[in-house]
Amino acid sequence: MKDIDIVNGAGKIEKMRLQNILMQLRKCSNHPYLFDGAEPGPPYTTDTHLVTNSGKLVILDKLLPRLLEQGSRVLIFSQMTRMLDILEDYCYWRNWNVIFFVKIVT
C-alpha cells in the first residue's frame, strides 16, 4: 500500500523515491554485482560466478557461442555503464574479441 501511495502522490520527494526504487529494480533484473559489495572478493576473480549469478548472462552464455559459430555479429545495448563493464569482463573471460563503444550523454 505504501508504494501505491508513492505512485499516486503528487509530491516531488515521493516521485524521487519511486525513481530510486525503479533504479534498484533495474539493477536487480540486470546483475546482482551492480550493487556495491555483492561481488565476492577480494581478490576479485572472473569465472563462472559472473554467469551463474545473473539469469540474463546465463541466457547470453547459451546464445553467444551459437551465434559466433555461425559467424554472426552481435550488438548489445545497455544504459548502465557498469553493466557494460560486467559484459566486458565476461567477454574477456570467454576469450572473445570485442569492441566496446560507450557514449555518456550529460
C-alpha atoms as a PDB file:
ATOM      1  CA  MET A   1       0.000   0.000   0.000  1.00  0.00           C
ATOM      2  CA  LYS A   2       2.915   2.298   0.692  1.00  0.00           C
ATOM      3  CA  ASP A   3       4.182   2.027  -2.903  1.00  0.00           C
ATOM      4  CA  ILE A   4       0.731   2.855  -4.282  1.00  0.00           C
ATOM      5  CA  ASP A   5       0.737   5.998  -2.165  1.00  0.00           C
ATOM      6  CA  ILE A   6       4.101   6.929  -3.674  1.00  0.00           C
ATOM      7  CA  VAL A   7       2.794   6.393  -7.208  1.00  0.00           C
ATOM      8  CA  ASN A   8      -0.362   8.400  -6.545  1.00  0.00           C
ATOM      9  CA  GLY A   9       1.468  11.103  -4.611  1.00  0.00           C
ATOM     10  CA  ALA A  10       1.929  14.394  -6.379  1.00  0.00           C
ATOM     11  CA  GLY A  11       4.913  15.479  -4.286  1.00  0.00           C
ATOM     12  CA  LYS A  12       8.373  15.844  -5.734  1.00  0.00           C
ATOM     13  CA  ILE A  13      10.004  13.819  -2.952  1.00  0.00           C
ATOM     14  CA  GLU A  14       7.664  10.868  -3.461  1.00  0.00           C
ATOM     15  CA  LYS A  15       8.421  10.795  -7.185  1.00  0.00           C
ATOM     16  CA  MET A  16      12.152  10.832  -6.461  1.00  0.00           C
ATOM     17  CA  ARG A  17      11.700   7.897  -4.074  1.00  0.00           C
ATOM     18  CA  LEU A  18       9.810   5.999  -6.755  1.00  0.00           C
ATOM     19  CA  GLN A  19      12.568   6.666  -9.290  1.00  0.00           C
ATOM     20  CA  ASN A  20      15.134   5.337  -6.806  1.00  0.00           C
ATOM     21  CA  ILE A  21      13.055   2.197  -6.266  1.00  0.00           C
ATOM     22  CA  LEU A  22      12.753   1.674 -10.023  1.00  0.00           C
ATOM     23  CA  MET A  23      16.514   2.070 -10.493  1.00  0.00           C
ATOM     24  CA  GLN A  24      17.174  -0.539  -7.807  1.00  0.00           C
ATOM     25  CA  LEU A  25      14.750  -2.905  -9.550  1.00  0.00           C
ATOM     26  CA  ARG A  26      16.542  -2.347 -12.859  1.00  0.00           C
ATOM     27  CA  LYS A  27      19.810  -3.265 -11.173  1.00  0.00           C
ATOM     28  CA  CYS A  28      18.230  -6.431  -9.752  1.00  0.00           C
ATOM     29  CA  SER A  29      16.986  -7.525 -13.150  1.00  0.00           C
ATOM     30  CA  ASN A  30      20.368  -6.964 -14.838  1.00  0.00           C
ATOM     31  CA  HIS A  31      23.005  -8.347 -12.471  1.00  0.00           C
ATOM     32  CA  PRO A  32      23.463  -8.502  -8.686  1.00  0.00           C
ATOM     33  CA  TYR A  33      27.048  -7.262  -8.986  1.00  0.00           C
ATOM     34  CA  LEU A  34      25.675  -3.823  -9.831  1.00  0.00           C
ATOM     35  CA  PHE A  35      25.158  -3.440  -6.079  1.00  0.00           C
ATOM     36  CA  ASP A  36      28.222  -2.436  -4.079  1.00  0.00           C
ATOM     37  CA  GLY A  37      29.608  -5.312  -2.029  1.00  0.00           C
ATOM     38  CA  ALA A  38      27.669  -8.059  -3.840  1.00  0.00           C
ATOM     39  CA  GLU A  39      30.645  -9.413  -5.778  1.00  0.00           C
ATOM     40  CA  PRO A  40      32.757 -11.945  -3.886  1.00  0.00           C
ATOM     41  CA  GLY A  41      36.230 -10.726  -3.124  1.00  0.00           C
ATOM     42  CA  PRO A  42      38.882  -9.518  -2.694  1.00  0.00           C
ATOM     43  CA  PRO A  43      40.558 -10.980  -4.608  1.00  0.00           C
ATOM     44  CA  TYR A  44      38.085 -10.330  -7.392  1.00  0.00           C
ATOM     45  CA  THR A  45      38.037 -13.096  -9.979  1.00  0.00           C
ATOM     46  CA  THR A  46      36.280 -13.551 -13.284  1.00  0.00           C
ATOM     47  CA  ASP A  47      34.887 -17.040 -13.636  1.00  0.00           C
ATOM     48  CA  THR A  48      31.589 -18.936 -13.669  1.00  0.00           C
ATOM     49  CA  HIS A  49      30.079 -16.944 -10.799  1.00  0.00           C
ATOM     50  CA  LEU A  50      29.802 -13.993 -13.179  1.00  0.00           C
ATOM     51  CA  VAL A  51      27.384 -16.003 -15.335  1.00  0.00           C
ATOM     52  CA  THR A  52      25.569 -18.121 -12.757  1.00  0.00           C
ATOM     53  CA  ASN A  53      24.512 -15.128 -10.650  1.00  0.00           C
ATOM     54  CA  SER A  54      22.544 -13.482 -13.448  1.00  0.00           C
ATOM     55  CA  GLY A  55      19.707 -15.041 -15.428  1.00  0.00           C
ATOM     56  CA  LYS A  56      20.378 -12.684 -18.323  1.00  0.00           C
ATOM     57  CA  LEU A  57      24.006 -13.758 -18.533  1.00  0.00           C
ATOM     58  CA  VAL A  58      23.013 -17.427 -18.354  1.00  0.00           C
ATOM     59  CA  ILE A  59      20.866 -16.916 -21.473  1.00  0.00           C
ATOM     60  CA  LEU A  60      23.591 -14.825 -23.129  1.00  0.00           C
ATOM     61  CA  ASP A  61      26.138 -17.536 -22.339  1.00  0.00           C
ATOM     62  CA  LYS A  62      23.981 -20.045 -24.226  1.00  0.00           C
ATOM     63  CA  LEU A  63      23.209 -17.777 -27.183  1.00  0.00           C
ATOM     64  CA  LEU A  64      26.545 -16.126 -27.924  1.00  0.00           C
ATOM     65  CA  PRO A  65      28.598 -19.269 -28.662  1.00  0.00           C
ATOM     66  CA  ARG A  66      25.974 -20.412 -31.167  1.00  0.00           C
ATOM     67  CA  LEU A  67      25.828 -17.028 -32.835  1.00  0.00           C
ATOM     68  CA  LEU A  68      29.601 -16.735 -33.025  1.00  0.00           C
ATOM     69  CA  GLU A  69      29.886 -20.239 -34.515  1.00  0.00           C
ATOM     70  CA  GLN A  70      27.555 -19.100 -37.301  1.00  0.00           C
ATOM     71  CA  GLY A  71      29.724 -16.076 -37.961  1.00  0.00           C
ATOM     72  CA  SER A  72      27.095 -13.657 -36.705  1.00  0.00           C
ATOM     73  CA  ARG A  73      27.952 -10.279 -35.280  1.00  0.00           C
ATOM     74  CA  VAL A  74      26.367  -9.276 -32.005  1.00  0.00           C
ATOM     75  CA  LEU A  75      25.484  -5.797 -30.812  1.00  0.00           C
ATOM     76  CA  ILE A  76      24.386  -5.306 -27.204  1.00  0.00           C
ATOM     77  CA  PHE A  77      22.936  -2.086 -25.839  1.00  0.00           C
ATOM     78  CA  SER A  78      22.828  -1.071 -22.201  1.00  0.00           C
ATOM     79  CA  GLN A  79      22.104   2.203 -20.464  1.00  0.00           C
ATOM     80  CA  MET A  80      24.191   1.170 -17.474  1.00  0.00           C
ATOM     81  CA  THR A  81      27.924   1.572 -17.977  1.00  0.00           C
ATOM     82  CA  ARG A  82      28.601  -0.712 -15.012  1.00  0.00           C
ATOM     83  CA  MET A  83      26.652  -3.447 -16.798  1.00  0.00           C
ATOM     84  CA  LEU A  84      28.869  -2.906 -19.831  1.00  0.00           C
ATOM     85  CA  ASP A  85      31.876  -3.377 -17.544  1.00  0.00           C
ATOM     86  CA  ILE A  86      30.455  -6.715 -16.400  1.00  0.00           C
ATOM     87  CA  LEU A  87      29.836  -7.723 -20.021  1.00  0.00           C
ATOM     88  CA  GLU A  88      33.384  -6.722 -20.905  1.00  0.00           C
ATOM     89  CA  ASP A  89      34.770  -8.913 -18.102  1.00  0.00           C
ATOM     90  CA  TYR A  90      32.560 -11.762 -19.314  1.00  0.00           C
ATOM     91  CA  CYS A  91      33.773 -11.460 -22.920  1.00  0.00           C
ATOM     92  CA  TYR A  92      37.434 -11.345 -21.895  1.00  0.00           C
ATOM     93  CA  TRP A  93      36.867 -14.374 -19.665  1.00  0.00           C
ATOM     94  CA  ARG A  94      35.470 -16.236 -22.690  1.00  0.00           C
ATOM     95  CA  ASN A  95      38.429 -15.025 -24.817  1.00  0.00           C
ATOM     96  CA  TRP A  96      36.217 -13.288 -27.360  1.00  0.00           C
ATOM     97  CA  ASN A  97      37.475 -10.339 -29.356  1.00  0.00           C
ATOM     98  CA  VAL A  98      35.161  -7.471 -28.588  1.00  0.00           C
ATOM     99  CA  ILE A  99      34.896  -3.766 -29.176  1.00  0.00           C
ATOM    100  CA  PHE A 100      33.006  -1.634 -26.690  1.00  0.00           C
ATOM    101  CA  PHE A 101      31.530   1.699 -27.614  1.00  0.00           C
ATOM    102  CA  VAL A 102      30.493   3.781 -24.658  1.00  0.00           C
ATOM    103  CA  LYS A 103      28.901   7.163 -25.080  1.00  0.00           C
ATOM    104  CA  ILE A 104      27.959   9.094 -21.991  1.00  0.00           C
ATOM    105  CA  VAL A 105      25.381  11.789 -22.527  1.00  0.00           C
ATOM    106  CA  THR A 106      25.094  14.502 -19.888  1.00  0.00           C
END
